Amino acid sequence: MMKRIYLAGGCFWGAEKYLGMIPGVLATQTGFANGRTENPSYEDVCRRDTGHAETVQVDYDEEKLKLSFLLDLFYGSIDPVSTNRQGHDIGTQYRTGIYYTDEADKPVITESIAALQKKHDEAIAIEVLPLENYYPAEEYHQKYLDKNPGGYCHIGPGTFEALRKAVTDTTM
């Protein structure tokens, strides 16, 4: 069964590439979530204080990929205690978040965040909220790192390699 979750992990270029590599993920799309304006452009989000987070819409096969495992892999690509910053990207649009549309996902997310918190002394800065709105980013942002292999990514090569190893070594 296909499920959908929205994950904000800093710049969406790297987050989309990373999440799209996970077996069981059927599709990804970059966009803007939980802001105050309709149909914002990238320029709006970066320069006009729209309140949106750069977010990746993730469609996944629930029979092949459990949400809890997807979230654990997601946490490996972000600094979960950093507020409004991932790598060199700073600003509210780079905040981390998990935005859900299915209320049944909330306990899984809450339990996952609680387990993550046990691994950190600082408070987890990932916001967990129902999805209020989502708007796809412009086409040139979709699969950006596939189109521009040398493009900037706050997720280092070691993190991508750790993902490859995790999905090879672990049964989801």
Protein backbone atom coordinates (compact mmCIF):
# COMPACT_ATOMS: atom_id res chain seq x y z
CA MET A 1 0.00 0.00 0.00
CA MET A 2 1.33 3.42 -0.92
CA LYS A 3 1.74 5.92 1.90
CA ARG A 4 2.92 9.52 1.86
CA ILE A 5 4.94 11.57 4.34
CA TYR A 6 6.60 14.98 4.03
CA LEU A 7 10.15 15.39 5.35
CA ALA A 8 12.04 18.65 5.71
CA GLY A 9 15.77 18.19 6.12
CA GLY A 10 17.50 21.39 5.06
CA CYS A 11 18.12 22.03 1.38
CA PHE A 12 15.71 19.81 -0.49
CA TRP A 13 18.15 18.96 -3.29
CA GLY A 14 20.20 16.59 -1.15
CA ALA A 15 17.26 15.42 0.92
CA GLU A 16 15.38 14.36 -2.22
CA LYS A 17 18.40 12.50 -3.60
CA TYR A 18 19.01 10.75 -0.27
CA LEU A 19 15.39 9.77 0.36
CA GLY A 20 14.96 8.63 -3.24
CA MET A 21 17.78 6.09 -2.78
CA ILE A 22 15.87 4.18 -0.08
CA PRO A 23 14.39 0.89 -1.28
CA GLY A 24 10.63 1.05 -0.91
CA VAL A 25 10.47 4.76 -1.74
CA LEU A 26 8.34 4.96 -4.86
CA ALA A 27 8.60 8.67 -5.67
CA THR A 28 9.93 11.94 -4.32
CA GLN A 29 9.13 15.55 -5.12
CA THR A 30 10.68 18.75 -3.81
CA GLY A 31 8.39 21.48 -2.58
CA PHE A 32 7.45 23.92 0.13
CA ALA A 33 5.36 23.02 3.18
CA ASN A 34 3.47 24.64 6.03
CA GLY A 35 3.90 28.26 5.03
CA ARG A 36 1.64 31.30 5.00
CA THR A 37 1.30 31.97 1.26
CA GLU A 38 -0.17 30.05 -1.67
CA ASN A 39 1.99 28.75 -4.52
CA PRO A 40 5.27 30.33 -3.44
CA SER A 41 8.24 30.38 -5.76
CA TYR A 42 11.73 29.45 -4.58
CA GLU A 43 12.54 33.15 -4.64
CA ASP A 44 9.52 33.87 -2.41
CA VAL A 45 10.55 31.23 0.12
CA CYS A 46 14.16 32.44 0.22
CA ARG A 47 13.53 36.18 0.27
CA ARG A 48 9.96 36.97 1.32
CA ASP A 49 9.50 35.28 4.71
CA THR A 50 6.68 32.97 3.57
CA GLY A 51 7.20 30.58 6.48
CA HIS A 52 7.56 27.53 4.23
CA ALA A 53 10.08 24.75 4.82
CA GLU A 54 11.94 23.18 1.92
CA THR A 55 10.34 19.74 2.01
CA VAL A 56 10.39 16.43 0.19
CA GLN A 57 7.13 14.64 -0.49
CA VAL A 58 7.91 10.95 -0.08
CA ASP A 59 5.65 8.23 -1.47
CA TYR A 60 6.61 4.80 -0.16
CA ASP A 61 5.40 1.22 -0.17
CA GLU A 62 4.33 0.51 3.39
CA GLU A 63 4.69 -3.25 2.84
CA LYS A 64 8.37 -2.85 1.87
CA LEU A 65 9.36 0.09 4.05
CA LYS A 66 8.12 0.80 7.56
CA LEU A 67 7.72 4.45 8.51
CA SER A 68 9.87 3.93 11.61
CA PHE A 69 12.79 2.69 9.45
CA LEU A 70 12.30 5.49 6.92
CA LEU A 71 12.49 8.02 9.76
CA ASP A 72 15.62 6.39 11.21
CA LEU A 73 17.30 6.71 7.82
CA PHE A 74 16.09 10.31 7.50
CA TYR A 75 17.66 11.16 10.88
CA GLY A 76 20.98 9.93 9.51
CA SER A 77 20.93 12.70 6.91
CA ILE A 78 20.28 15.64 9.23
CA ASP A 79 21.56 17.29 12.38
CA PRO A 80 18.43 16.70 14.48
CA VAL A 81 19.37 19.23 17.17
CA SER A 82 20.06 22.12 14.80
CA THR A 83 17.41 24.83 14.58
CA ASN A 84 16.77 26.48 11.20
CA ARG A 85 20.06 25.21 9.81
CA GLN A 86 21.53 22.22 8.02
CA GLY A 87 25.12 22.42 6.80
CA HIS A 88 25.85 25.90 5.47
CA ASP A 89 22.16 26.63 4.83
CA ILE A 90 20.65 28.94 7.43
CA GLY A 91 17.08 30.21 7.70
CA THR A 92 13.61 29.02 8.64
CA GLN A 93 13.15 27.42 5.21
CA TYR A 94 15.95 24.98 6.18
CA ARG A 95 14.31 23.81 9.40
CA THR A 96 13.79 20.11 9.95
CA GLY A 97 10.30 18.71 10.11
CA ILE A 98 8.06 15.71 9.73
CA TYR A 99 4.66 16.62 8.33
CA TYR A 100 2.03 13.90 8.26
CA THR A 101 -1.35 13.56 6.59
CA ASP A 102 -2.43 10.33 8.28
CA GLU A 103 -3.20 10.69 11.99
CA ALA A 104 -2.26 7.01 12.42
CA ASP A 105 1.35 7.99 11.65
CA LYS A 106 1.61 10.38 14.59
CA PRO A 107 2.31 7.74 17.31
CA VAL A 108 5.02 6.15 15.13
CA ILE A 109 6.62 9.56 14.61
CA THR A 110 6.35 10.50 18.30
CA GLU A 111 7.91 7.20 19.37
CA SER A 112 10.68 7.63 16.81
CA ILE A 113 11.48 11.16 18.03
CA ALA A 114 11.54 9.92 21.65
CA ALA A 115 14.04 7.19 20.71
CA LEU A 116 16.15 9.75 18.83
CA GLN A 117 16.11 12.10 21.83
CA LYS A 118 17.70 9.38 23.98
CA LYS A 119 20.78 9.57 21.73
CA HIS A 120 21.23 13.34 22.20
CA ASP A 121 21.84 15.63 25.17
CA GLU A 122 20.41 18.65 23.34
CA ALA A 123 16.71 18.92 22.54
CA ILE A 124 15.60 17.51 19.20
CA ALA A 125 14.71 20.41 16.91
CA ILE A 126 12.57 18.48 14.40
CA GLU A 127 9.07 19.89 14.27
CA VAL A 128 6.30 17.32 14.03
CA LEU A 129 3.07 18.73 12.66
CA PRO A 130 0.14 17.81 10.48
CA LEU A 131 0.69 18.96 6.91
CA GLU A 132 -1.13 22.27 6.48
CA ASN A 133 -0.13 22.90 2.87
CA TYR A 134 2.37 21.78 0.28
CA TYR A 135 3.33 23.28 -3.07
CA PRO A 136 5.69 21.60 -5.54
CA ALA A 137 8.90 23.49 -6.27
CA GLU A 138 9.71 24.64 -9.78
CA GLU A 139 10.74 21.91 -12.25
CA TYR A 140 14.44 22.80 -12.15
CA HIS A 141 14.47 21.78 -8.45
CA GLN A 142 13.09 18.31 -9.15
CA LYS A 143 15.86 15.66 -9.13
CA TYR A 144 18.29 18.58 -9.06
CA LEU A 145 21.37 16.58 -8.08
CA ASP A 146 20.68 14.03 -10.81
CA LYS A 147 20.60 16.86 -13.34
CA ASN A 148 23.56 18.65 -11.70
CA PRO A 149 25.84 15.98 -10.18
CA GLY A 150 28.33 18.59 -8.96
CA GLY A 151 25.61 20.69 -7.31
CA TYR A 152 25.80 21.77 -3.69
CA CYS A 153 24.57 19.32 -1.09
CA HIS A 154 24.80 19.63 2.69
CA ILE A 155 24.67 15.84 2.91
CA GLY A 156 28.24 14.57 2.57
CA PRO A 157 29.35 11.57 0.49
CA GLY A 158 29.89 9.56 3.69
CA THR A 159 26.22 9.93 4.56
CA PHE A 160 25.13 8.61 1.18
CA GLU A 161 27.54 5.69 1.62
CA ALA A 162 26.16 5.00 5.12
CA LEU A 163 22.67 4.87 3.60
CA ARG A 164 23.80 2.39 0.95
CA LYS A 165 25.27 0.21 3.70
CA ALA A 166 22.22 0.52 5.97
CA VAL A 167 19.76 -0.55 3.30
CA THR A 168 22.06 -3.41 2.23
CA ASP A 169 22.67 -4.69 5.78
CA THR A 170 19.24 -4.18 7.29
CA THR A 171 15.91 -5.80 6.69
CA MET A 172 13.27 -3.10 6.64
